Protein backbone atom coordinates (compact mmCIF):
# COMPACT_ATOMS: atom_id res chain seq x y z
CA MET A 1 0.08 0.11 -0.04
CA THR A 2 1.36 3.40 -1.16
CA HIS A 3 1.25 6.08 1.43
CA PRO A 4 0.51 9.93 0.68
CA ILE A 5 3.86 12.18 1.28
CA PHE A 6 2.85 15.56 3.40
CA LYS A 7 4.26 17.93 1.65
CA ILE A 8 5.28 21.12 3.86
CA GLY A 9 5.96 24.65 2.30
CA THR A 10 8.40 26.76 3.75
CA ARG A 11 10.59 29.80 2.80
CA GLY A 12 14.26 28.76 2.62
CA SER A 13 16.15 30.70 5.35
CA PRO A 14 17.90 28.72 7.72
CA LEU A 15 15.18 29.82 10.48
CA ALA A 16 12.31 28.98 8.12
CA LEU A 17 13.61 25.67 7.53
CA ALA A 18 14.09 25.30 11.42
CA GLN A 19 10.55 25.97 11.85
CA ALA A 20 9.33 23.33 8.95
CA VAL A 21 11.38 21.42 10.96
CA GLU A 22 9.99 21.45 14.06
CA THR A 23 6.86 21.14 12.59
CA ARG A 24 7.41 17.96 10.94
CA ASP A 25 9.01 16.53 14.08
CA ARG A 26 6.16 17.39 15.99
CA LEU A 27 3.61 15.87 13.68
CA MET A 28 5.64 12.77 13.58
CA ALA A 29 6.02 12.23 17.45
CA ALA A 30 1.91 13.21 17.48
CA HIS A 31 1.06 10.71 14.77
CA ASN A 32 4.11 7.96 15.04
CA LEU A 33 5.03 8.79 11.71
CA PRO A 34 8.49 8.13 10.23
CA GLU A 35 10.23 11.08 8.56
CA ASP A 36 10.35 9.61 4.96
CA ARG A 37 6.28 10.41 4.95
CA PHE A 38 7.19 14.36 4.82
CA GLU A 39 8.78 16.27 2.47
CA VAL A 40 10.03 19.98 3.04
CA VAL A 41 9.41 22.17 0.02
CA VAL A 42 11.38 25.57 -0.24
CA ILE A 43 9.54 28.06 -2.04
CA LYS A 44 10.95 31.59 -2.90
CA THR A 45 9.25 34.36 -2.04
CA THR A 46 8.82 37.92 -3.35
CA GLY A 47 10.24 39.23 -0.18
CA ASP A 48 13.15 36.94 -0.20
CA ARG A 49 14.41 37.98 -3.82
CA ILE A 50 14.03 41.41 -3.36
CA GLN A 51 16.52 42.28 -0.51
CA ASP A 52 17.40 46.03 -1.46
CA ARG A 53 14.62 48.01 -0.70
CA PRO A 54 12.56 48.53 2.39
CA LEU A 55 9.70 45.98 2.60
CA GLY A 56 6.93 48.88 2.86
CA GLU A 57 8.55 50.35 -0.34
CA ILE A 58 7.48 46.43 -2.22
CA GLY A 59 4.44 45.71 -0.85
CA GLY A 60 4.37 44.82 2.78
CA LYS A 61 3.36 41.46 4.53
CA GLY A 62 2.16 39.55 1.89
CA LEU A 63 5.79 39.33 0.37
CA PHE A 64 6.66 36.33 2.62
CA THR A 65 3.78 34.48 1.62
CA LYS A 66 2.05 34.86 -1.36
CA GLU A 67 4.12 32.16 -3.55
CA ILE A 68 3.64 29.79 -0.47
CA GLU A 69 -0.58 30.75 -0.41
CA ASP A 70 -0.60 29.96 -4.21
CA ALA A 71 1.11 26.66 -3.78
CA LEU A 72 -1.73 25.43 -1.10
CA LEU A 73 -4.12 26.46 -3.12
CA ASP A 74 -3.40 24.79 -6.07
CA ARG A 75 -2.47 21.75 -3.84
CA SER A 76 1.10 21.38 -4.62
CA ILE A 77 1.75 21.38 -1.09
CA ASP A 78 -0.12 20.11 1.71
CA LEU A 79 0.57 22.64 4.87
CA ALA A 80 2.72 25.92 5.00
CA VAL A 81 4.53 26.95 7.98
CA HIS A 82 5.01 30.68 8.62
CA SER A 83 6.62 32.81 11.30
CA MET A 84 3.33 34.69 12.71
CA LYS A 85 4.70 38.08 12.89
CA ASP A 86 5.17 38.03 8.90
CA MET A 87 1.32 37.01 7.89
CA PRO A 88 -1.35 39.44 7.06
CA VAL A 89 -4.26 39.25 9.34
CA ALA A 90 -6.71 38.03 6.29
CA GLN A 91 -5.97 34.66 4.62
CA PRO A 92 -6.98 34.18 0.91
CA ASP A 93 -10.21 32.70 0.16
CA GLY A 94 -10.02 28.84 1.00
CA LEU A 95 -6.95 28.71 3.23
CA VAL A 96 -7.11 28.07 7.07
CA LEU A 97 -4.67 29.36 9.44
CA ASP A 98 -5.63 28.37 12.72
CA CYS A 99 -2.83 26.05 14.23
CA TYR A 100 0.02 27.40 16.11
CA LEU A 101 3.00 25.96 17.70
CA PRO A 102 4.39 26.42 21.85
CA ARG A 103 5.59 30.19 21.65
CA GLU A 104 9.36 31.00 21.68
CA ASP A 105 10.73 33.72 23.73
CA VAL A 106 8.70 37.34 22.64
CA ARG A 107 12.10 39.66 23.15
CA ASP A 108 13.80 41.14 20.71
CA ALA A 109 17.65 40.78 21.01
CA PHE A 110 19.88 43.48 20.92
CA VAL A 111 23.09 42.38 18.50
CA SER A 112 25.95 44.31 18.10
CA LEU A 113 29.82 43.24 17.68
CA LYS A 114 31.11 46.52 19.71
CA TYR A 115 28.37 47.62 22.29
CA LYS A 116 26.44 45.60 25.19
CA SER A 117 22.98 47.40 25.03
CA ILE A 118 20.96 50.58 23.43
CA ALA A 119 22.40 52.30 26.62
CA ASP A 120 26.08 51.82 25.05
CA LEU A 121 25.43 52.95 22.23
CA PRO A 122 27.05 56.60 21.60
CA LYS A 123 25.49 59.46 20.00
CA GLY A 124 25.16 59.24 16.29
CA ALA A 125 25.58 55.51 16.12
CA LYS A 126 23.93 53.45 13.27
CA LEU A 127 21.56 51.11 14.04
CA GLY A 128 20.41 48.85 11.19
CA SER A 129 16.83 47.67 11.02
CA SER A 130 14.42 47.20 8.21
CA SER A 131 11.14 47.07 10.69
CA LEU A 132 9.19 50.12 11.07
CA ARG A 133 8.33 49.26 14.22
CA ARG A 134 12.03 48.58 15.67
CA ARG A 135 12.99 52.34 13.82
CA ALA A 136 10.33 54.22 15.19
CA GLN A 137 11.06 52.55 18.71
CA ILE A 138 14.66 53.04 18.84
CA LEU A 139 14.20 56.63 17.29
CA HIS A 140 11.70 57.45 19.96
CA MET A 141 14.00 56.11 22.79
CA ARG A 142 17.24 57.29 20.97
CA PRO A 143 16.61 60.49 18.63
CA ASP A 144 20.45 60.74 18.40
CA ILE A 145 20.77 57.22 16.61
CA GLU A 146 21.11 57.13 12.84
CA VAL A 147 18.76 54.01 11.46
CA VAL A 148 20.02 52.45 8.13
CA GLU A 149 17.97 49.91 6.22
CA PHE A 150 19.22 46.72 6.85
CA ARG A 151 17.75 43.13 5.91
CA GLY A 152 18.97 39.55 5.25
CA ASN A 153 19.33 36.38 7.46
CA VAL A 154 21.29 36.34 10.54
CA GLN A 155 24.47 35.62 8.76
CA THR A 156 24.03 38.38 6.60
CA ARG A 157 23.43 40.86 9.09
CA LEU A 158 26.45 39.42 11.13
CA ARG A 159 28.55 40.09 7.88
CA LYS A 160 27.07 43.69 7.54
CA LEU A 161 27.81 44.62 11.42
CA ASP A 162 31.53 43.00 10.43
CA GLU A 163 32.01 45.30 7.11
CA GLY A 164 30.88 48.66 9.37
CA VAL A 165 27.47 48.89 7.68
CA ALA A 166 25.57 49.38 11.09
CA ASP A 167 26.96 49.30 14.74
CA ALA A 168 24.05 47.39 16.18
CA THR A 169 21.28 45.87 14.98
CA PHE A 170 17.83 44.05 16.88
CA LEU A 171 16.76 40.45 15.88
CA ALA A 172 13.83 38.09 17.42
CA LEU A 173 15.26 36.25 20.22
CA ALA A 174 12.83 33.58 19.08
CA GLY A 175 14.77 32.82 15.78
CA LEU A 176 18.07 32.75 17.33
CA ASN A 177 16.71 30.39 20.13
CA ARG A 178 15.52 28.14 17.27
CA LEU A 179 18.48 28.28 15.59
CA GLY A 180 20.75 27.78 18.75
CA ASN A 181 22.14 30.98 18.17
CA THR A 182 21.63 32.85 21.28
CA HIS A 183 25.18 33.44 21.92
CA ILE A 184 25.10 36.08 19.13
CA ALA A 185 22.51 38.41 21.43
CA GLN A 186 24.36 40.75 23.64
CA SER A 187 21.31 41.55 25.64
CA ALA A 188 17.66 40.38 25.63
CA ILE A 189 15.41 43.90 25.40
CA ASP A 190 12.70 43.30 27.94
CA THR A 191 9.24 44.00 26.70
CA ASP A 192 8.39 47.11 28.81
CA GLU A 193 11.72 48.77 27.15
CA MET A 194 10.67 47.52 23.67
CA LEU A 195 7.30 46.12 23.01
CA PRO A 196 7.58 43.06 20.10
CA ALA A 197 5.83 42.83 17.22
CA VAL A 198 2.18 41.23 17.30
CA ALA A 199 3.01 37.19 16.93
CA GLN A 200 6.11 37.84 17.46
CA GLY A 201 7.72 34.31 18.35
CA ALA A 202 5.06 32.35 17.36
CA ILE A 203 4.84 29.73 14.13
CA GLY A 204 1.68 29.45 12.39
CA ILE A 205 0.73 26.17 10.14
CA GLU A 206 -1.94 27.08 7.33
CA TRP A 207 -3.83 24.73 5.37
CA HIS A 208 -6.35 24.15 2.49
CA GLN A 209 -10.10 24.17 4.07
CA ASP A 210 -10.99 21.03 2.03
CA ASN A 211 -7.72 18.58 3.45
CA THR A 212 -9.60 17.52 6.43
CA LEU A 213 -6.81 15.12 6.83
CA ILE A 214 -4.35 17.50 7.56
CA ARG A 215 -6.81 19.56 9.92
CA ASP A 216 -7.13 16.34 11.96
CA MET A 217 -3.46 16.21 12.08
CA LEU A 218 -2.80 19.48 12.90
CA ALA A 219 -5.00 19.63 15.64
CA ALA A 220 -3.13 17.40 17.79
CA ILE A 221 -0.13 20.02 17.98
CA ALA A 222 -2.09 22.97 17.86
CA ASP A 223 -1.41 25.07 20.86
CA THR A 224 -4.21 26.65 22.77
CA ASP A 225 -2.37 29.24 24.83
CA THR A 226 -0.79 30.71 22.03
CA ALA A 227 -3.96 30.48 19.60
CA THR A 228 -5.30 32.46 22.37
CA ARG A 229 -2.73 35.22 22.81
CA LEU A 230 -2.72 35.86 19.10
CA ALA A 231 -6.62 36.00 18.49
CA ALA A 232 -6.43 39.26 20.84
CA GLU A 233 -3.19 40.76 19.09
CA ARG A 234 -4.15 40.13 15.35
CA ALA A 235 -7.71 41.43 16.25
CA PHE A 236 -5.90 44.59 17.39
CA LEU A 237 -3.46 44.68 14.40
CA GLU A 238 -6.55 44.19 12.18
CA ALA A 239 -8.28 47.07 13.89
CA LEU A 240 -5.58 49.43 13.03
CA ASP A 241 -5.37 48.32 9.63
CA GLY A 242 -1.40 46.99 10.34
CA SER A 243 0.87 46.58 7.99
CA CYS A 244 4.48 46.93 7.33
CA GLN A 245 3.82 50.70 6.48
CA THR A 246 2.69 51.41 10.18
CA PRO A 247 4.59 50.98 13.30
CA ILE A 248 2.40 48.86 15.68
CA ALA A 249 3.87 46.48 18.78
CA GLY A 250 1.50 44.40 20.83
CA LEU A 251 1.73 41.46 23.23
CA ALA A 252 -0.88 39.42 25.07
CA THR A 253 -0.21 37.29 27.99
CA LEU A 254 -2.03 35.08 29.83
CA ASP A 255 -2.90 34.58 33.73
CA GLY A 256 -5.03 31.70 34.20
CA ASP A 257 -8.51 32.88 32.47
CA ASN A 258 -7.44 36.55 32.71
CA LEU A 259 -5.42 37.96 29.33
CA THR A 260 -3.84 41.28 29.53
CA LEU A 261 -3.02 42.82 26.23
CA GLN A 262 -0.18 45.99 25.36
CA GLY A 263 -0.58 47.88 22.55
CA GLN A 264 1.70 50.76 21.49
CA ILE A 265 1.54 52.70 18.13
CA LEU A 266 4.32 55.04 16.68
CA ARG A 267 4.81 57.88 14.32
CA THR A 268 7.65 56.41 11.44
CA ASP A 269 9.89 58.91 12.51
CA GLY A 270 9.77 58.08 16.42
CA THR A 271 8.60 61.69 17.30
CA ASP A 272 5.32 60.43 19.12
CA GLN A 273 3.65 57.14 20.49
CA VAL A 274 0.60 56.20 22.14
CA SER A 275 0.50 53.15 24.25
CA GLY A 276 -2.11 51.37 26.25
CA VAL A 277 -3.06 48.08 28.29
CA ILE A 278 -6.14 46.20 28.68
CA SER A 279 -7.25 43.28 30.79
CA GLY A 280 -10.18 40.94 30.65
CA ALA A 281 -11.19 37.41 29.97
CA ALA A 282 -9.08 35.39 27.69
CA SER A 283 -12.26 34.13 25.65
CA ASP A 284 -12.91 37.83 24.91
CA GLY A 285 -9.43 38.38 23.44
CA PRO A 286 -10.42 39.55 20.29
CA ALA A 287 -12.86 41.88 21.41
CA LEU A 288 -10.27 43.14 23.66
CA GLY A 289 -7.79 43.76 21.08
CA ARG A 290 -10.58 45.89 18.84
CA LYS A 291 -11.12 47.80 21.80
CA LEU A 292 -7.51 48.49 22.63
CA ALA A 293 -7.42 49.46 19.27
CA ALA A 294 -9.94 52.08 18.85
CA GLU A 295 -8.96 53.51 22.88
CA LEU A 296 -5.03 54.07 20.85
CA LEU A 297 -6.55 55.57 17.93
CA GLU A 298 -8.92 57.92 19.94
CA LYS A 299 -5.69 58.83 22.20
CA SER A 300 -3.37 60.03 18.92
CA GLY A 301 -6.74 61.80 17.53
CA GLY A 302 -7.44 59.51 14.77
CA ASP A 303 -4.84 60.40 11.85
CA PHE A 304 -2.02 59.19 13.45
CA PHE A 305 -0.62 57.09 10.76
């Protein structure tokens, strides 16, 4: 009897591959399946091909997902593994995104070959980042810092630091942990100092709505706490019409059945920010996210972006 091979679609970066392998290994363990029942399929996205321009100039978050989602829709892959902070809040018709693996460390990491922390950066230092959120946050904290465009995988960014393109950069600590590169971080930045991107540290698995076999397989590895937290964060993002062109940060935490959501919006140049926090029943997470978004927009005067 011939058994199906389950094809896992992913980007080709070392981190994306590590996330796909983690997904495969969890499915193998949950369903007692051998490794040869799975195939990791690397799909190059527009965001991977274009490295010389800021994401906001070439289309935003969908740049890292469109080609992978097209492969799901035409059934050339069975499931897709994504970094959730790259995911638009809406999925194409026919696709479902409702399975999340246990969330990693949500904090940003400060990475430098010369300095230990943000406070150590001298006036006029160059900090490299392609993230509008991180750029706005560092400029709000340290308007004396020069921010330069900085894209690429971990190895590329370290090479750029070595070449003097920038004095420091930020990376998601979750990615460094998953790659076994935690030592690269000079320090982890507390969320009270720098609120992370919505869904940072979370892996999401997308599937075709007609593929009931994959739906049932994924149910065995889905993490409910991560799903609850992301439901609040992504509702907050959606209510703000969040994209790669709007500096937005958000983080939900759970304490039993209680959920607390922190949110922040910033001007792109860092000259102003509005933040807030809301708490309530975890089951009301999406409603809390929408309410916090409305509160921040009201505080900001409504034309903040």
